[in-house]
Amino acid sequence: MQLMIKRNSYILILILFIVTSVTFSQGEDSTHYNPKDTFYTSIAPSNIINSIRTGVAPIATIQLSFNYNIGHLDMAGSENTLFRKDEFVSGANFGTRYGFGVMLTGKIKLHKAGNVRLNVSTGYNRFLSNFVIEESPEGKVSYNVFSFGLGIENNFNPARKFKPFAGIELQANMISGNAVLATDSTDFDVKIKNSVRFGLSLTLGFEYAVNDKFGFNLGYRLTHANILGKKSQVSTSINETYLNDDIVNGESIPYSGWKQFMFSSFYAGVNFYIGLKNKK
């Protein structure tokens, strides 16, 4: 009798063990719905995927911008705006302040993230002593500046629509011009022969990419065009002179004096992107 009771107890325990195991395994089965389970494997809508997808910085950017220029330091004389014949002839200043220009820049990313970019540029700037102001009765002067630059730039948000940046660039500049000096009889024309100078420019600005191919740019650039290469020399013709932006001790050279060709440019333009995938 006791043996039968003991055997029935073992059978009951075995049945309870089997039932418990089956119930537990069903609770762990991922194919059954669990109201507390927050994990799901369905594909998210495309608008959600696009909103979380990371952007890709452009492989290259072509930037075309147009400048409004304001000269500093020795660009204009004591009258600030009006051309002064005596100051120009004595080499005290370049005789002009305001101008305009255009610049074409290619920007190439140097690593995957695209923050650091190599800049290669070419540009043209023109300065006129009678640009946006009245002409001086003592004459006028104009300059043409062709520049070629190589620099480095940091773009703070290269894969986003709004892309602020800062850069520095070494420049080779070819500067020439013409001057007209008023006299009591016939005005005296002077050609400023082409002179090569080396300088530096600093740039701050931003880009806004409308889409993956096109955008706008706006910024400020400070240029010192003749840091290196200053030189004064006598021309073989009385109607010609060189830039003559240095002092020659013991020698009197017309139009010569230590002068700095320095100016600010406020610019705006358009960008063309290669390989950009924007992120908002």
C-alpha atoms as a PDB file:
ATOM      1  CA  MET A   1       0.000   0.000   0.000  1.00  0.00           C
ATOM      2  CA  GLN A   2       2.738   2.435   0.889  1.00  0.00           C
ATOM      3  CA  LEU A   3       4.608   1.465  -2.276  1.00  0.00           C
ATOM      4  CA  MET A   4       1.536   2.357  -4.375  1.00  0.00           C
ATOM      5  CA  ILE A   5       1.140   5.773  -2.718  1.00  0.00           C
ATOM      6  CA  LYS A   6       4.811   6.499  -3.255  1.00  0.00           C
ATOM      7  CA  ARG A   7       4.612   5.487  -6.915  1.00  0.00           C
ATOM      8  CA  ASN A   8       1.528   7.711  -7.464  1.00  0.00           C
ATOM      9  CA  SER A   9       3.376  10.646  -5.871  1.00  0.00           C
ATOM     10  CA  TYR A  10       6.245  10.221  -8.367  1.00  0.00           C
ATOM     11  CA  ILE A  11       3.803  10.161 -11.260  1.00  0.00           C
ATOM     12  CA  LEU A  12       2.079  13.347 -10.025  1.00  0.00           C
ATOM     13  CA  ILE A  13       5.401  15.150  -9.659  1.00  0.00           C
ATOM     14  CA  LEU A  14       6.419  14.087 -13.182  1.00  0.00           C
ATOM     15  CA  ILE A  15       3.128  15.349 -14.640  1.00  0.00           C
ATOM     16  CA  LEU A  16       3.523  18.750 -12.904  1.00  0.00           C
ATOM     17  CA  PHE A  17       7.107  19.040 -14.201  1.00  0.00           C
ATOM     18  CA  ILE A  18       6.015  18.367 -17.807  1.00  0.00           C
ATOM     19  CA  VAL A  19       3.136  20.872 -17.646  1.00  0.00           C
ATOM     20  CA  THR A  20       5.370  23.575 -16.160  1.00  0.00           C
ATOM     21  CA  SER A  21       8.064  23.046 -18.807  1.00  0.00           C
ATOM     22  CA  VAL A  22       5.556  23.311 -21.682  1.00  0.00           C
ATOM     23  CA  THR A  23       4.018  26.495 -20.241  1.00  0.00           C
ATOM     24  CA  PHE A  24       7.460  28.111 -19.751  1.00  0.00           C
ATOM     25  CA  SER A  25       8.597  27.242 -23.272  1.00  0.00           C
ATOM     26  CA  GLN A  26       5.437  28.775 -24.727  1.00  0.00           C
ATOM     27  CA  GLY A  27       6.075  32.001 -22.811  1.00  0.00           C
ATOM     28  CA  GLU A  28       9.585  32.174 -24.300  1.00  0.00           C
ATOM     29  CA  ASP A  29       8.409  31.503 -27.889  1.00  0.00           C
ATOM     30  CA  SER A  30       9.013  34.716 -29.870  1.00  0.00           C
ATOM     31  CA  THR A  31       6.331  33.769 -32.381  1.00  0.00           C
ATOM     32  CA  HIS A  32       3.596  34.388 -29.820  1.00  0.00           C
ATOM     33  CA  TYR A  33       2.332  37.899 -29.106  1.00  0.00           C
ATOM     34  CA  ASN A  34       3.465  39.440 -25.852  1.00  0.00           C
ATOM     35  CA  PRO A  35       1.803  42.762 -24.976  1.00  0.00           C
ATOM     36  CA  LYS A  36       4.900  43.812 -23.009  1.00  0.00           C
ATOM     37  CA  ASP A  37       7.301  43.112 -25.900  1.00  0.00           C
ATOM     38  CA  THR A  38       8.473  46.342 -27.643  1.00  0.00           C
ATOM     39  CA  PHE A  39      10.736  44.646 -30.204  1.00  0.00           C
ATOM     40  CA  TYR A  40       9.516  44.427 -33.806  1.00  0.00           C
ATOM     41  CA  THR A  41      11.079  43.469 -37.120  1.00  0.00           C
ATOM     42  CA  SER A  42       8.817  45.328 -39.595  1.00  0.00           C
ATOM     43  CA  ILE A  43      10.438  47.761 -42.107  1.00  0.00           C
ATOM     44  CA  ALA A  44      10.114  51.465 -41.233  1.00  0.00           C
ATOM     45  CA  PRO A  45       8.458  53.866 -43.719  1.00  0.00           C
ATOM     46  CA  SER A  46      10.812  55.548 -46.237  1.00  0.00           C
ATOM     47  CA  ASN A  47      10.334  59.023 -44.711  1.00  0.00           C
ATOM     48  CA  ILE A  48      11.569  57.738 -41.341  1.00  0.00           C
ATOM     49  CA  ILE A  49      14.553  56.020 -42.946  1.00  0.00           C
ATOM     50  CA  ASN A  50      15.482  59.202 -44.862  1.00  0.00           C
ATOM     51  CA  SER A  51      15.251  61.324 -41.711  1.00  0.00           C
ATOM     52  CA  ILE A  52      17.786  59.204 -39.822  1.00  0.00           C
ATOM     53  CA  ARG A  53      20.094  58.402 -42.735  1.00  0.00           C
ATOM     54  CA  THR A  54      23.468  60.190 -42.463  1.00  0.00           C
ATOM     55  CA  GLY A  55      24.516  62.553 -45.242  1.00  0.00           C
ATOM     56  CA  VAL A  56      27.632  62.323 -47.398  1.00  0.00           C
ATOM     57  CA  ALA A  57      29.972  65.298 -47.900  1.00  0.00           C
ATOM     58  CA  PRO A  58      30.557  66.337 -51.525  1.00  0.00           C
ATOM     59  CA  ILE A  59      33.636  64.936 -53.247  1.00  0.00           C
ATOM     60  CA  ALA A  60      34.131  68.303 -54.915  1.00  0.00           C
ATOM     61  CA  THR A  61      32.455  71.716 -54.923  1.00  0.00           C
ATOM     62  CA  ILE A  62      32.649  74.366 -57.640  1.00  0.00           C
ATOM     63  CA  GLN A  63      31.973  77.824 -56.217  1.00  0.00           C
ATOM     64  CA  LEU A  64      31.333  80.925 -58.323  1.00  0.00           C
ATOM     65  CA  SER A  65      31.082  84.189 -56.385  1.00  0.00           C
ATOM     66  CA  PHE A  66      30.874  87.912 -57.120  1.00  0.00           C
ATOM     67  CA  ASN A  67      32.641  90.488 -54.944  1.00  0.00           C
ATOM     68  CA  TYR A  68      32.161  94.023 -53.710  1.00  0.00           C
ATOM     69  CA  ASN A  69      35.566  95.311 -52.553  1.00  0.00           C
ATOM     70  CA  ILE A  70      36.641  97.960 -50.051  1.00  0.00           C
ATOM     71  CA  GLY A  71      40.328  98.928 -49.840  1.00  0.00           C
ATOM     72  CA  HIS A  72      42.256  99.387 -46.576  1.00  0.00           C
ATOM     73  CA  LEU A  73      45.502 100.959 -45.363  1.00  0.00           C
ATOM     74  CA  ASP A  74      47.407 102.371 -48.366  1.00  0.00           C
ATOM     75  CA  MET A  75      44.741 101.760 -50.985  1.00  0.00           C
ATOM     76  CA  ALA A  76      43.323 105.296 -50.622  1.00  0.00           C
ATOM     77  CA  GLY A  77      44.754 108.573 -49.392  1.00  0.00           C
ATOM     78  CA  SER A  78      44.064 111.109 -46.701  1.00  0.00           C
ATOM     79  CA  GLU A  79      40.832 112.193 -48.377  1.00  0.00           C
ATOM     80  CA  ASN A  80      39.685 108.569 -47.968  1.00  0.00           C
ATOM     81  CA  THR A  81      37.806 108.444 -51.259  1.00  0.00           C
ATOM     82  CA  LEU A  82      38.893 111.156 -53.702  1.00  0.00           C
ATOM     83  CA  PHE A  83      41.963 110.632 -55.890  1.00  0.00           C
ATOM     84  CA  ARG A  84      44.859 112.965 -54.964  1.00  0.00           C
ATOM     85  CA  LYS A  85      47.433 113.476 -57.723  1.00  0.00           C
ATOM     86  CA  ASP A  86      50.283 114.585 -55.431  1.00  0.00           C
ATOM     87  CA  GLU A  87      49.852 111.541 -53.157  1.00  0.00           C
ATOM     88  CA  PHE A  88      49.761 109.156 -56.118  1.00  0.00           C
ATOM     89  CA  VAL A  89      52.887 110.613 -57.767  1.00  0.00           C
ATOM     90  CA  SER A  90      54.833 110.636 -54.477  1.00  0.00           C
ATOM     91  CA  GLY A  91      53.903 106.989 -53.824  1.00  0.00           C
ATOM     92  CA  ALA A  92      51.955 107.700 -50.631  1.00  0.00           C
ATOM     93  CA  ASN A  93      49.044 105.454 -51.667  1.00  0.00           C
ATOM     94  CA  PHE A  94      47.448 103.617 -54.585  1.00  0.00           C
ATOM     95  CA  GLY A  95      44.778 106.301 -54.987  1.00  0.00           C
ATOM     96  CA  THR A  96      41.643 104.169 -54.922  1.00  0.00           C
ATOM     97  CA  ARG A  97      39.385 102.332 -52.513  1.00  0.00           C
ATOM     98  CA  TYR A  98      36.335 100.619 -54.035  1.00  0.00           C
ATOM     99  CA  GLY A  99      35.968  97.882 -56.607  1.00  0.00           C
ATOM    100  CA  PHE A 100      34.286  94.678 -57.727  1.00  0.00           C
ATOM    101  CA  GLY A 101      35.303  91.231 -58.889  1.00  0.00           C
ATOM    102  CA  VAL A 102      34.576  87.575 -59.490  1.00  0.00           C
ATOM    103  CA  MET A 103      36.163  84.368 -58.176  1.00  0.00           C
ATOM    104  CA  LEU A 104      35.945  80.720 -59.220  1.00  0.00           C
ATOM    105  CA  THR A 105      36.988  78.163 -56.579  1.00  0.00           C
ATOM    106  CA  GLY A 106      37.264  74.402 -56.683  1.00  0.00           C
ATOM    107  CA  LYS A 107      36.977  72.667 -53.298  1.00  0.00           C
ATOM    108  CA  ILE A 108      38.130  69.050 -52.965  1.00  0.00           C
ATOM    109  CA  LYS A 109      37.564  66.999 -49.798  1.00  0.00           C
ATOM    110  CA  LEU A 110      40.727  65.461 -48.345  1.00  0.00           C
ATOM    111  CA  HIS A 111      39.189  62.719 -46.173  1.00  0.00           C
ATOM    112  CA  LYS A 112      35.953  60.749 -45.837  1.00  0.00           C
ATOM    113  CA  ALA A 113      34.183  63.103 -43.430  1.00  0.00           C
ATOM    114  CA  GLY A 114      34.867  66.020 -45.777  1.00  0.00           C
ATOM    115  CA  ASN A 115      35.538  68.723 -43.183  1.00  0.00           C
ATOM    116  CA  VAL A 116      38.988  69.566 -44.521  1.00  0.00           C
ATOM    117  CA  ARG A 117      39.029  70.677 -48.155  1.00  0.00           C
ATOM    118  CA  LEU A 118      41.750  71.705 -50.589  1.00  0.00           C
ATOM    119  CA  ASN A 119      40.881  74.971 -52.350  1.00  0.00           C
ATOM    120  CA  VAL A 120      42.141  75.948 -55.795  1.00  0.00           C
ATOM    121  CA  SER A 121      40.981  79.355 -57.028  1.00  0.00           C
ATOM    122  CA  THR A 122      41.311  81.939 -59.743  1.00  0.00           C
ATOM    123  CA  GLY A 123      39.830  85.414 -59.672  1.00  0.00           C
ATOM    124  CA  TYR A 124      39.693  88.906 -61.081  1.00  0.00           C
ATOM    125  CA  ASN A 125      39.207  92.162 -59.156  1.00  0.00           C
ATOM    126  CA  ARG A 126      38.996  95.682 -60.529  1.00  0.00           C
ATOM    127  CA  PHE A 127      39.437  98.885 -58.521  1.00  0.00           C
ATOM    128  CA  LEU A 128      38.406 102.348 -59.724  1.00  0.00           C
ATOM    129  CA  SER A 129      38.933 105.680 -57.993  1.00  0.00           C
ATOM    130  CA  ASN A 130      35.578 106.828 -59.406  1.00  0.00           C
ATOM    131  CA  PHE A 131      33.590 103.663 -58.614  1.00  0.00           C
ATOM    132  CA  VAL A 132      30.465 104.447 -56.486  1.00  0.00           C
ATOM    133  CA  ILE A 133      31.877 107.954 -55.781  1.00  0.00           C
ATOM    134  CA  GLU A 134      32.314 111.087 -57.865  1.00  0.00           C
ATOM    135  CA  GLU A 135      35.409 111.532 -60.011  1.00  0.00           C
ATOM    136  CA  SER A 136      38.205 113.693 -58.621  1.00  0.00           C
ATOM    137  CA  PRO A 137      39.128 116.861 -60.565  1.00  0.00           C
ATOM    138  CA  GLU A 138      42.788 115.858 -60.146  1.00  0.00           C
ATOM    139  CA  GLY A 139      42.475 112.663 -62.169  1.00  0.00           C
ATOM    140  CA  LYS A 140      41.704 108.983 -61.689  1.00  0.00           C
ATOM    141  CA  VAL A 141      43.320 105.574 -61.414  1.00  0.00           C
ATOM    142  CA  SER A 142      42.239 101.976 -61.941  1.00  0.00           C
ATOM    143  CA  TYR A 143      43.782  98.564 -61.193  1.00  0.00           C
ATOM    144  CA  ASN A 144      43.282  95.054 -62.533  1.00  0.00           C
ATOM    145  CA  VAL A 145      44.168  92.171 -60.206  1.00  0.00           C
ATOM    146  CA  PHE A 146      44.326  88.611 -61.545  1.00  0.00           C
ATOM    147  CA  SER A 147      44.834  86.097 -58.737  1.00  0.00           C
ATOM    148  CA  PHE A 148      45.628  82.392 -58.483  1.00  0.00           C
ATOM    149  CA  GLY A 149      45.331  80.704 -55.101  1.00  0.00           C
ATOM    150  CA  LEU A 150      45.943  77.461 -53.245  1.00  0.00           C
ATOM    151  CA  GLY A 151      44.571  76.995 -49.753  1.00  0.00           C
ATOM    152  CA  ILE A 152      42.958  74.878 -47.081  1.00  0.00           C
ATOM    153  CA  GLU A 153      39.448  75.132 -45.652  1.00  0.00           C
ATOM    154  CA  ASN A 154      37.513  73.698 -42.730  1.00  0.00           C
ATOM    155  CA  ASN A 155      33.836  73.055 -43.395  1.00  0.00           C
ATOM    156  CA  PHE A 156      32.003  72.547 -40.103  1.00  0.00           C
ATOM    157  CA  ASN A 157      28.918  70.690 -41.447  1.00  0.00           C
ATOM    158  CA  PRO A 158      29.962  69.223 -44.818  1.00  0.00           C
ATOM    159  CA  ALA A 159      27.096  66.694 -45.062  1.00  0.00           C
ATOM    160  CA  ARG A 160      24.302  69.087 -44.066  1.00  0.00           C
ATOM    161  CA  LYS A 161      22.409  71.721 -46.013  1.00  0.00           C
ATOM    162  CA  PHE A 162      23.876  74.624 -43.997  1.00  0.00           C
ATOM    163  CA  LYS A 163      27.672  74.524 -44.254  1.00  0.00           C
ATOM    164  CA  PRO A 164      29.669  77.273 -42.467  1.00  0.00           C
ATOM    165  CA  PHE A 165      33.379  77.347 -43.285  1.00  0.00           C
ATOM    166  CA  ALA A 166      36.665  79.171 -42.650  1.00  0.00           C
ATOM    167  CA  GLY A 167      39.755  79.053 -44.830  1.00  0.00           C
ATOM    168  CA  ILE A 168      43.187  80.453 -45.611  1.00  0.00           C
ATOM    169  CA  GLU A 169      44.803  80.752 -49.027  1.00  0.00           C
ATOM    170  CA  LEU A 170      48.185  81.627 -50.522  1.00  0.00           C
ATOM    171  CA  GLN A 171      47.916  83.791 -53.629  1.00  0.00           C
ATOM    172  CA  ALA A 172      49.954  84.831 -56.640  1.00  0.00           C
ATOM    173  CA  ASN A 173      48.659  88.160 -57.971  1.00  0.00           C
ATOM    174  CA  MET A 174      49.286  89.995 -61.223  1.00  0.00           C
ATOM    175  CA  ILE A 175      48.512  93.690 -60.732  1.00  0.00           C
ATOM    176  CA  SER A 176      48.344  96.308 -63.491  1.00  0.00           C
ATOM    177  CA  GLY A 177      46.426  99.512 -64.133  1.00  0.00           C
ATOM    178  CA  ASN A 178      46.085 102.948 -65.654  1.00  0.00           C
ATOM    179  CA  ALA A 179      46.112 106.483 -64.281  1.00  0.00           C
ATOM    180  CA  VAL A 180      45.064 109.838 -65.679  1.00  0.00           C
ATOM    181  CA  LEU A 181      46.687 112.904 -64.094  1.00  0.00           C
ATOM    182  CA  ALA A 182      44.887 116.188 -64.702  1.00  0.00           C
ATOM    183  CA  THR A 183      46.998 119.180 -65.826  1.00  0.00           C
ATOM    184  CA  ASP A 184      46.276 122.754 -66.916  1.00  0.00           C
ATOM    185  CA  SER A 185      46.473 121.694 -70.548  1.00  0.00           C
ATOM    186  CA  THR A 186      46.355 118.031 -71.665  1.00  0.00           C
ATOM    187  CA  ASP A 187      45.750 115.211 -69.195  1.00  0.00           C
ATOM    188  CA  PHE A 188      48.760 112.965 -68.627  1.00  0.00           C
ATOM    189  CA  ASP A 189      48.155 109.210 -69.062  1.00  0.00           C
ATOM    190  CA  VAL A 190      50.230 106.666 -67.144  1.00  0.00           C
ATOM    191  CA  LYS A 191      50.175 102.921 -67.718  1.00  0.00           C
ATOM    192  CA  ILE A 192      50.902 100.758 -64.656  1.00  0.00           C
ATOM    193  CA  LYS A 193      52.778  97.766 -66.013  1.00  0.00           C
ATOM    194  CA  ASN A 194      51.931  94.250 -64.894  1.00  0.00           C
ATOM    195  CA  SER A 195      53.691  93.316 -61.642  1.00  0.00           C
ATOM    196  CA  VAL A 196      53.660  89.949 -59.841  1.00  0.00           C
ATOM    197  CA  ARG A 197      53.098  89.940 -56.082  1.00  0.00           C
ATOM    198  CA  PHE A 198      52.421  87.184 -53.522  1.00  0.00           C
ATOM    199  CA  GLY A 199      49.855  87.475 -50.775  1.00  0.00           C
ATOM    200  CA  LEU A 200      47.405  85.832 -48.409  1.00  0.00           C
ATOM    201  CA  SER A 201      43.637  85.745 -48.006  1.00  0.00           C
ATOM    202  CA  LEU A 202      41.399  84.727 -45.084  1.00  0.00           C
ATOM    203  CA  THR A 203      37.806  83.655 -45.707  1.00  0.00           C
ATOM    204  CA  LEU A 204      34.684  83.221 -43.570  1.00  0.00           C
ATOM    205  CA  GLY A 205      31.351  82.204 -45.014  1.00  0.00           C
ATOM    206  CA  PHE A 206      28.675  79.596 -45.442  1.00  0.00           C
ATOM    207  CA  GLU A 207      27.014  77.520 -48.117  1.00  0.00           C
ATOM    208  CA  TYR A 208      23.385  76.457 -48.331  1.00  0.00           C
ATOM    209  CA  ALA A 209      22.713  73.391 -50.458  1.00  0.00           C
ATOM    210  CA  VAL A 210      19.277  73.600 -52.067  1.00  0.00           C
ATOM    211  CA  ASN A 211      19.656  70.012 -53.255  1.00  0.00           C
ATOM    212  CA  ASP A 212      22.425  67.482 -53.945  1.00  0.00           C
ATOM    213  CA  LYS A 213      23.591  69.386 -57.039  1.00  0.00           C
ATOM    214  CA  PHE A 214      23.082  73.109 -56.414  1.00  0.00           C
ATOM    215  CA  GLY A 215      23.416  75.698 -53.644  1.00  0.00           C
ATOM    216  CA  PHE A 216      24.310  79.273 -52.683  1.00  0.00           C
ATOM    217  CA  ASN A 217      27.271  80.882 -50.907  1.00  0.00           C
ATOM    218  CA  LEU A 218      27.723  84.075 -48.913  1.00  0.00           C
ATOM    219  CA  GLY A 219      30.823  85.312 -47.130  1.00  0.00           C
ATOM    220  CA  TYR A 220      33.665  87.711 -46.372  1.00  0.00           C
ATOM    221  CA  ARG A 221      37.275  87.605 -47.549  1.00  0.00           C
ATOM    222  CA  LEU A 222      40.264  89.697 -46.385  1.00  0.00           C
ATOM    223  CA  THR A 223      43.108  89.859 -48.923  1.00  0.00           C
ATOM    224  CA  HIS A 224      46.631  91.239 -48.599  1.00  0.00           C
ATOM    225  CA  ALA A 225      47.835  90.994 -52.185  1.00  0.00           C
ATOM    226  CA  ASN A 226      51.455  92.185 -51.922  1.00  0.00           C
ATOM    227  CA  ILE A 227      52.982  90.754 -48.759  1.00  0.00           C
ATOM    228  CA  LEU A 228      55.947  89.396 -50.733  1.00  0.00           C
ATOM    229  CA  GLY A 229      57.582  90.686 -53.893  1.00  0.00           C
ATOM    230  CA  LYS A 230      57.410  94.425 -53.238  1.00  0.00           C
ATOM    231  CA  LYS A 231      59.641  96.274 -55.690  1.00  0.00           C
ATOM    232  CA  SER A 232      60.178  99.732 -57.167  1.00  0.00           C
ATOM    233  CA  GLN A 233      61.992 100.356 -60.412  1.00  0.00           C
ATOM    234  CA  VAL A 234      62.327 103.036 -63.079  1.00  0.00           C
ATOM    235  CA  SER A 235      60.478 102.494 -66.328  1.00  0.00           C
ATOM    236  CA  THR A 236      62.072 103.171 -69.705  1.00  0.00           C
ATOM    237  CA  SER A 237      59.017 105.208 -70.753  1.00  0.00           C
ATOM    238  CA  ILE A 238      57.762 108.385 -69.100  1.00  0.00           C
ATOM    239  CA  ASN A 239      54.192 107.246 -69.693  1.00  0.00           C
ATOM    240  CA  GLU A 240      54.711 103.916 -67.944  1.00  0.00           C
ATOM    241  CA  THR A 241      55.473 102.803 -64.411  1.00  0.00           C
ATOM    242  CA  TYR A 242      55.619  99.592 -62.436  1.00  0.00           C
ATOM    243  CA  LEU A 243      53.502  99.032 -59.319  1.00  0.00           C
ATOM    244  CA  ASN A 244      56.385 100.573 -57.312  1.00  0.00           C
ATOM    245  CA  ASP A 245      55.261  99.521 -53.834  1.00  0.00           C
ATOM    246  CA  ASP A 246      58.633  99.599 -52.062  1.00  0.00           C
ATOM    247  CA  ILE A 247      61.124 102.244 -50.899  1.00  0.00           C
ATOM    248  CA  VAL A 248      64.501 102.451 -52.599  1.00  0.00           C
ATOM    249  CA  ASN A 249      67.062 104.173 -50.360  1.00  0.00           C
ATOM    250  CA  GLY A 250      69.124 106.893 -51.999  1.00  0.00           C
ATOM    251  CA  GLU A 251      67.135 106.895 -55.234  1.00  0.00           C
ATOM    252  CA  SER A 252      64.126 108.970 -56.276  1.00  0.00           C
ATOM    253  CA  ILE A 253      61.695 106.880 -58.328  1.00  0.00           C
ATOM    254  CA  PRO A 254      58.358 108.335 -59.473  1.00  0.00           C
ATOM    255  CA  TYR A 255      55.238 106.780 -57.937  1.00  0.00           C
ATOM    256  CA  SER A 256      57.329 104.685 -55.508  1.00  0.00           C
ATOM    257  CA  GLY A 257      56.626 104.204 -51.810  1.00  0.00           C
ATOM    258  CA  TRP A 258      56.058 101.396 -49.329  1.00  0.00           C
ATOM    259  CA  LYS A 259      52.380 100.553 -49.899  1.00  0.00           C
ATOM    260  CA  GLN A 260      50.071  97.687 -48.938  1.00  0.00           C
ATOM    261  CA  PHE A 261      47.497  96.407 -51.425  1.00  0.00           C
ATOM    262  CA  MET A 262      44.934  95.210 -48.892  1.00  0.00           C
ATOM    263  CA  PHE A 263      41.168  94.963 -49.264  1.00  0.00           C
ATOM    264  CA  SER A 264      37.968  93.319 -48.007  1.00  0.00           C
ATOM    265  CA  SER A 265      35.537  91.469 -50.260  1.00  0.00           C
ATOM    266  CA  PHE A 266      31.890  90.823 -49.479  1.00  0.00           C
ATOM    267  CA  TYR A 267      30.755  88.104 -51.828  1.00  0.00           C
ATOM    268  CA  ALA A 268      27.766  85.986 -52.856  1.00  0.00           C
ATOM    269  CA  GLY A 269      27.263  83.366 -55.509  1.00  0.00           C
ATOM    270  CA  VAL A 270      26.308  79.825 -56.447  1.00  0.00           C
ATOM    271  CA  ASN A 271      27.725  76.356 -55.744  1.00  0.00           C
ATOM    272  CA  PHE A 272      27.704  73.171 -57.802  1.00  0.00           C
ATOM    273  CA  TYR A 273      28.210  69.884 -55.931  1.00  0.00           C
ATOM    274  CA  ILE A 274      29.664  66.537 -57.001  1.00  0.00           C
ATOM    275  CA  GLY A 275      28.912  63.501 -54.816  1.00  0.00           C
ATOM    276  CA  LEU A 276      26.823  65.311 -52.175  1.00  0.00           C
ATOM    277  CA  LYS A 277      24.043  63.540 -50.252  1.00  0.00           C
ATOM    278  CA  ASN A 278      22.360  66.105 -48.077  1.00  0.00           C
ATOM    279  CA  LYS A 279      21.167  65.716 -44.512  1.00  0.00           C
ATOM    280  CA  LYS A 280      18.719  68.208 -43.019  1.00  0.00           C
END
